[in-house]
Every structure is written in C-alpha cells, then in structure tokens.
Amino acid sequence: EISKDLQSVIQKSPRTAHPMDVLRTAVSFRGSEDPEMGKTDAATNLKRSISMMAKIPTMIAAFYRLRKGQDFIPPRSDLGFVENFFHMIFGKVPAPEVVHAFEVSLILYAEHGFNASTFTARTVVSSLSDIYSGVVGGIASLKGPLHGGANEAVMHMLLEVGEPARAKEWMLTALREKRVVMGFGHRVYKNGDSRVPTMKKYARKMAEFTGQSKWLDIADILEATMREQKNIHPNLDFPSGPAYYMMGFDIDMFTPFFVMARITGWTAHIME
C-alpha cells in the first residue's frame, strides 16, 4: 500500500493531467520517502525494486479513480498482482480470460534489452545517481509516442478508422501522404516482432470474449495493407492497444501499464 503522503500527492494532481505525468511525479516522491537513501548495496536496491513493482499499480489505480471522482481502493493481500490491479481500478476482479490476457501483456512488456527508456535509466545511474532517479528517467523516456506511448496512438488510430470497410483506403491515404503510422516497424525486428503473435492471440481472445471483434478486423486490414505496400510488420503496441481498450481501460492509461511491466527490466538494468 502507498503512504498517506503519496496518496495526497496523487490527489493534488490535476484531473486533466496525463497519467504518465502523475506517475513520474509519484515515483519521484516515493524516492524522497526512502529512509535509507544513503545505502546503494545490491540487497537494498533489490528491495526497492520489489517495492516499486508492488506500489506502481497502486499509484496508477489511485489516479484512475481520483479523476473519475471515485474513492481510493487500497490493495488486498489475498489477490494476485493483476487481480489486485483490476480490483483497485474497477472495484471487482474480471473473468479469468481477461486477467490472463493482461498478465501476458505484462510479461511481453517486462524487458526488452537496450531500448530508449532502458538506455535513459542506465545513463542516469551511470553517474551513481539513485535507483528512483533512474526509473523516473525511464518513465520520462517511455512517455514519448515513439516508445511506450505508441500503444495509445494505435488505439486512437483504430478509432479514427472506425469501421473495417474504411481501413484499407485509410492506410493507403496515410502512406500516400507520408504520415507516421503508429504500431509498425521496429529498430531490431526487421522481419516481424517476435512478441506480436502471442499478443495477437490474446487480443483475439479478448475480442471473442467481449464481442468487440471490429477493432481487430480493422487492425488485420491495416496490417495486411502495410505489409503489401511497404513490407513493414507490426510491433507489440499494435495488438496491445486494442486489447487494453476491450478490457475497458481509458486509452491514456495504456502507457502506465507498460511501466507496471518494464519496472522489472529497468531496475534489473540499473542494478547491473
């Protein structure tokens, strides 16, 4: 559970703020609460890493409910990580199919080598700065639409397309006008992101479970058109955006979910 002081910091945030801005501030404040900031040994940093992994979902849920005018729901020790998060957000635990799909997304996002946010976190601590500062740097980098914010941009794109019948012409127009199309391409995976098939499988399960198949129908047409025209493949953000949307989450919460997962990768790199 987060402290009363940290709850107060979140409660004082503007309700119109992007959740990534609130989360960046909340993690920074969490660092100021640490009574052992002078200790930088491996055991202490591991304890801090576990604490941040445990508390970040609570921070996200606290702001989610605050901006909707709802009361804070504290975490429960009898629920698993994802079950607890859904309970803190919605006041209930969803069906196992939804819980498992969200778990899969967190596993896929948890670590991915030397990406922009991990590079930022490692650069911050290379001067012997503290682990919280490294994570705050990671959050700041991840917020950008060319990194973690891409999953939000993908869902906005699907909403703009609106219907499967419009998808192919939308993509052809976007390519003709040289627009940046989010959710496609990767610096490493030139022949397809190896994480995508798994996430697509669970996004499809969400579509079947919720009856919202049109979002994946649109996505399939956009993907086929992009591959036909440019031979560019989707990345993990492409299926995760609609999966989160079908779970009932606000779009601007998608990137904070990335933080919930990548905190493990960031802190592992920082400790290394």
Protein backbone atom coordinates (compact mmCIF):
# COMPACT_ATOMS: atom_id res chain seq x y z
CA GLU A 1 0.00 0.00 0.00
CA ILE A 2 1.21 3.54 -0.71
CA SER A 3 1.65 6.07 2.10
CA LYS A 4 -0.91 8.71 3.00
CA ASP A 5 1.56 11.38 1.89
CA LEU A 6 1.94 9.76 -1.51
CA GLN A 7 -1.84 9.43 -1.81
CA SER A 8 -2.01 13.16 -1.09
CA VAL A 9 0.50 13.94 -3.86
CA ILE A 10 -1.62 11.97 -6.34
CA GLN A 11 -4.83 13.59 -5.10
CA LYS A 12 -3.34 17.05 -5.68
CA SER A 13 -2.58 16.26 -9.32
CA PRO A 14 -4.82 17.96 -11.89
CA ARG A 15 -7.51 15.54 -13.04
CA THR A 16 -6.73 16.55 -16.62
CA ALA A 17 -3.07 15.52 -16.29
CA HIS A 18 -1.74 12.63 -18.34
CA PRO A 19 -1.33 9.60 -16.05
CA MET A 20 2.33 9.29 -17.08
CA ASP A 21 2.99 12.77 -15.67
CA VAL A 22 1.34 11.81 -12.40
CA LEU A 23 3.22 8.51 -12.25
CA ARG A 24 6.56 10.20 -12.93
CA THR A 25 5.94 12.57 -10.01
CA ALA A 26 4.65 9.82 -7.73
CA VAL A 27 7.73 7.62 -8.23
CA SER A 28 9.96 10.62 -7.58
CA PHE A 29 8.09 11.36 -4.35
CA ARG A 30 8.37 7.69 -3.36
CA GLY A 31 12.15 8.14 -3.55
CA SER A 32 12.01 11.07 -1.16
CA GLU A 33 10.23 8.83 1.37
CA ASP A 34 13.03 6.25 1.41
CA PRO A 35 14.74 6.41 4.83
CA GLU A 36 17.84 4.59 3.55
CA MET A 37 18.81 6.72 0.57
CA GLY A 38 22.46 6.55 1.59
CA LYS A 39 22.52 2.78 1.04
CA THR A 40 23.21 1.57 -2.50
CA ASP A 41 24.09 -2.09 -1.95
CA ALA A 42 22.51 -4.78 -4.13
CA ALA A 43 20.19 -6.13 -1.44
CA THR A 44 18.75 -2.68 -0.68
CA ASN A 45 18.23 -1.89 -4.36
CA LEU A 46 16.52 -5.24 -4.90
CA LYS A 47 14.18 -4.42 -2.02
CA ARG A 48 13.47 -1.02 -3.60
CA SER A 49 12.81 -2.66 -6.96
CA ILE A 50 10.27 -5.04 -5.49
CA SER A 51 8.65 -2.19 -3.58
CA MET A 52 8.27 -0.10 -6.76
CA MET A 53 6.85 -3.07 -8.66
CA ALA A 54 4.29 -3.52 -5.87
CA LYS A 55 3.38 0.16 -5.46
CA ILE A 56 3.27 1.43 -9.05
CA PRO A 57 -0.03 -0.36 -9.82
CA THR A 58 -1.50 1.22 -6.68
CA MET A 59 -0.31 4.67 -7.82
CA ILE A 60 -1.88 4.18 -11.25
CA ALA A 61 -5.16 2.93 -9.79
CA ALA A 62 -5.31 5.79 -7.28
CA PHE A 63 -5.17 8.40 -10.04
CA TYR A 64 -7.52 6.43 -12.29
CA ARG A 65 -10.22 6.60 -9.64
CA LEU A 66 -9.41 10.13 -8.49
CA ARG A 67 -10.04 11.70 -11.87
CA LYS A 68 -13.39 9.91 -12.09
CA GLY A 69 -14.41 11.26 -8.69
CA GLN A 70 -14.27 7.82 -7.08
CA ASP A 71 -12.83 6.78 -3.73
CA PHE A 72 -9.41 5.17 -3.47
CA ILE A 73 -9.48 1.36 -3.17
CA PRO A 74 -6.49 0.00 -1.20
CA PRO A 75 -4.73 -3.17 -2.35
CA ARG A 76 -5.71 -6.57 -0.99
CA SER A 77 -3.18 -9.16 0.14
CA ASP A 78 -5.42 -12.07 -0.90
CA LEU A 79 -5.36 -11.23 -4.63
CA GLY A 80 -2.70 -11.81 -7.24
CA PHE A 81 -0.83 -8.97 -8.94
CA VAL A 82 -3.20 -8.48 -11.89
CA GLU A 83 -6.37 -9.40 -9.97
CA ASN A 84 -5.46 -6.81 -7.36
CA PHE A 85 -4.89 -4.14 -10.00
CA PHE A 86 -8.28 -4.71 -11.61
CA HIS A 87 -9.90 -4.60 -8.17
CA MET A 88 -8.21 -1.29 -7.33
CA ILE A 89 -9.34 0.15 -10.68
CA PHE A 90 -12.88 -1.18 -11.07
CA GLY A 91 -13.73 -2.49 -7.61
CA LYS A 92 -14.01 -6.04 -8.92
CA VAL A 93 -11.96 -8.83 -10.45
CA PRO A 94 -12.88 -9.68 -14.06
CA ALA A 95 -13.16 -13.10 -15.69
CA PRO A 96 -10.01 -15.27 -15.76
CA GLU A 97 -9.76 -14.74 -19.53
CA VAL A 98 -9.30 -11.01 -19.01
CA VAL A 99 -6.86 -11.44 -16.12
CA HIS A 100 -4.70 -13.84 -18.14
CA ALA A 101 -4.63 -11.63 -21.24
CA PHE A 102 -3.44 -8.71 -19.12
CA GLU A 103 -0.81 -10.92 -17.47
CA VAL A 104 0.51 -11.96 -20.88
CA SER A 105 0.85 -8.31 -21.94
CA LEU A 106 2.87 -7.51 -18.80
CA ILE A 107 5.20 -10.46 -19.41
CA LEU A 108 5.80 -9.35 -23.01
CA TYR A 109 6.46 -5.74 -21.94
CA ALA A 110 8.59 -6.61 -18.89
CA GLU A 111 12.03 -6.48 -20.51
CA HIS A 112 13.33 -5.81 -23.99
CA GLY A 113 17.04 -5.14 -23.92
CA PHE A 114 18.70 -1.82 -24.65
CA ASN A 115 15.71 0.30 -25.72
CA ALA A 116 15.36 4.08 -25.30
CA SER A 117 13.91 4.09 -21.77
CA THR A 118 16.38 1.47 -20.51
CA PHE A 119 19.24 3.43 -22.07
CA THR A 120 17.95 6.54 -20.28
CA ALA A 121 17.67 4.77 -16.92
CA ARG A 122 21.19 3.35 -17.24
CA THR A 123 22.59 6.74 -18.24
CA VAL A 124 21.01 8.42 -15.20
CA VAL A 125 22.52 5.93 -12.74
CA SER A 126 25.90 5.82 -14.50
CA SER A 127 26.76 8.94 -12.51
CA LEU A 128 25.95 6.96 -9.31
CA SER A 129 22.54 8.58 -9.05
CA ASP A 130 19.88 6.59 -7.17
CA ILE A 131 17.54 3.91 -8.48
CA TYR A 132 14.43 6.10 -8.19
CA SER A 133 16.03 8.77 -10.39
CA GLY A 134 16.85 6.09 -12.96
CA VAL A 135 13.25 4.88 -13.00
CA VAL A 136 11.93 8.45 -13.29
CA GLY A 137 14.19 8.91 -16.31
CA GLY A 138 12.84 5.71 -17.78
CA ILE A 139 9.27 6.88 -17.30
CA ALA A 140 10.07 10.22 -18.95
CA SER A 141 11.54 8.46 -21.99
CA LEU A 142 8.78 5.85 -22.19
CA LYS A 143 6.09 8.56 -22.27
CA GLY A 144 7.03 9.52 -25.84
CA PRO A 145 4.77 8.32 -28.68
CA LEU A 146 7.77 6.75 -30.44
CA HIS A 147 8.26 4.44 -27.44
CA GLY A 148 5.64 3.45 -24.84
CA GLY A 149 3.05 5.97 -25.96
CA ALA A 150 2.64 4.10 -29.24
CA ASN A 151 0.04 1.72 -27.78
CA GLU A 152 -2.19 4.71 -27.04
CA ALA A 153 -1.63 6.11 -30.54
CA VAL A 154 -2.60 2.76 -32.09
CA MET A 155 -6.00 2.79 -30.41
CA HIS A 156 -6.63 6.40 -31.41
CA MET A 157 -5.82 5.35 -34.98
CA LEU A 158 -8.29 2.44 -34.86
CA LEU A 159 -10.98 4.77 -33.53
CA GLU A 160 -10.25 7.23 -36.33
CA VAL A 161 -10.64 4.48 -38.94
CA GLY A 162 -13.87 3.44 -37.25
CA GLU A 163 -15.02 0.60 -39.48
CA PRO A 164 -13.30 -2.29 -41.31
CA ALA A 165 -14.69 -1.06 -44.64
CA ARG A 166 -12.64 2.13 -44.31
CA ALA A 167 -9.39 0.51 -43.20
CA LYS A 168 -7.61 -0.20 -46.48
CA GLU A 169 -8.28 3.21 -48.01
CA TRP A 170 -7.28 4.88 -44.72
CA MET A 171 -3.91 3.13 -44.77
CA LEU A 172 -3.33 3.83 -48.47
CA THR A 173 -4.08 7.51 -47.87
CA ALA A 174 -1.79 7.63 -44.84
CA LEU A 175 1.07 6.09 -46.82
CA ARG A 176 0.45 8.34 -49.81
CA GLU A 177 0.55 11.40 -47.54
CA LYS A 178 3.66 10.05 -45.76
CA ARG A 179 2.03 10.10 -42.33
CA VAL A 180 3.65 8.33 -39.40
CA VAL A 181 1.55 5.20 -38.81
CA MET A 182 1.96 4.06 -35.20
CA GLY A 183 2.40 0.44 -34.17
CA PHE A 184 4.51 -0.58 -37.16
CA GLY A 185 8.21 -1.16 -37.58
CA HIS A 186 10.99 -1.83 -35.10
CA ARG A 187 14.68 -0.96 -34.91
CA VAL A 188 15.59 -4.59 -34.22
CA TYR A 189 12.81 -6.73 -35.72
CA LYS A 190 13.03 -6.09 -39.45
CA ASN A 191 11.07 -9.25 -40.26
CA GLY A 192 8.44 -9.04 -37.54
CA ASP A 193 8.35 -8.52 -33.77
CA SER A 194 8.61 -11.95 -32.12
CA ARG A 195 6.25 -10.85 -29.34
CA VAL A 196 3.38 -9.99 -31.67
CA PRO A 197 1.94 -13.46 -32.40
CA THR A 198 1.41 -14.13 -28.68
CA MET A 199 -0.21 -10.76 -28.01
CA LYS A 200 -2.39 -11.06 -31.14
CA LYS A 201 -3.59 -14.44 -29.87
CA TYR A 202 -4.74 -12.90 -26.59
CA ALA A 203 -6.15 -9.79 -28.24
CA ARG A 204 -8.26 -12.12 -30.37
CA LYS A 205 -9.38 -13.94 -27.22
CA MET A 206 -10.44 -10.56 -25.79
CA ALA A 207 -12.40 -9.78 -28.96
CA GLU A 208 -14.21 -13.11 -28.72
CA PHE A 209 -14.88 -12.65 -25.01
CA THR A 210 -16.17 -9.05 -25.30
CA GLY A 211 -17.82 -9.24 -28.73
CA GLN A 212 -15.73 -6.26 -29.95
CA SER A 213 -14.15 -8.01 -32.91
CA LYS A 214 -14.31 -4.98 -35.21
CA TRP A 215 -11.17 -3.45 -33.70
CA LEU A 216 -9.12 -6.49 -34.65
CA ASP A 217 -10.86 -6.69 -38.02
CA ILE A 218 -9.69 -3.12 -38.68
CA ALA A 219 -6.21 -3.97 -37.40
CA ASP A 220 -5.95 -7.02 -39.65
CA ILE A 221 -6.75 -4.95 -42.75
CA LEU A 222 -4.32 -2.18 -41.75
CA GLU A 223 -1.59 -4.76 -41.14
CA ALA A 224 -2.19 -6.55 -44.45
CA THR A 225 -2.17 -3.27 -46.39
CA MET A 226 1.03 -2.07 -44.72
CA ARG A 227 2.80 -5.36 -45.45
CA GLU A 228 1.55 -5.35 -49.04
CA GLN A 229 2.63 -1.76 -49.67
CA LYS A 230 5.78 -1.41 -47.56
CA ASN A 231 6.65 -4.86 -46.17
CA ILE A 232 6.67 -3.35 -42.68
CA HIS A 233 5.43 -5.50 -39.82
CA PRO A 234 3.53 -4.51 -36.65
CA ASN A 235 5.22 -4.30 -33.26
CA LEU A 236 3.90 -5.24 -29.81
CA ASP A 237 2.00 -1.96 -29.37
CA PHE A 238 -0.25 -2.79 -32.32
CA PRO A 239 -2.19 -5.66 -30.69
CA SER A 240 -1.81 -4.48 -27.07
CA GLY A 241 -3.62 -1.17 -27.65
CA PRO A 242 -6.95 -2.70 -28.73
CA ALA A 243 -6.59 -5.49 -26.15
CA TYR A 244 -6.44 -2.93 -23.33
CA TYR A 245 -9.32 -0.98 -24.85
CA MET A 246 -11.51 -4.08 -24.94
CA MET A 247 -10.72 -4.65 -21.26
CA GLY A 248 -12.46 -1.35 -20.52
CA PHE A 249 -9.49 0.90 -19.74
CA ASP A 250 -9.12 4.57 -20.69
CA ILE A 251 -6.66 4.96 -23.57
CA ASP A 252 -4.25 7.25 -21.75
CA MET A 253 -3.70 4.51 -19.14
CA PHE A 254 -2.07 2.16 -21.64
CA THR A 255 1.46 3.55 -21.28
CA PRO A 256 1.36 3.38 -17.45
CA PHE A 257 0.62 -0.34 -17.88
CA PHE A 258 3.91 -0.53 -19.79
CA VAL A 259 5.60 0.98 -16.70
CA MET A 260 3.96 -1.66 -14.46
CA ALA A 261 5.74 -4.28 -16.54
CA ARG A 262 9.02 -2.62 -17.53
CA ILE A 263 9.85 -1.63 -13.94
CA THR A 264 11.31 -5.15 -13.69
CA GLY A 265 13.57 -4.67 -16.70
CA TRP A 266 14.61 -1.13 -15.77
CA THR A 267 15.57 -1.99 -12.20
CA ALA A 268 17.46 -5.11 -13.34
CA HIS A 269 19.49 -2.97 -15.74
CA ILE A 270 20.02 -0.29 -13.09
CA MET A 271 21.33 -2.84 -10.60
CA GLU A 272 23.62 -4.32 -13.27
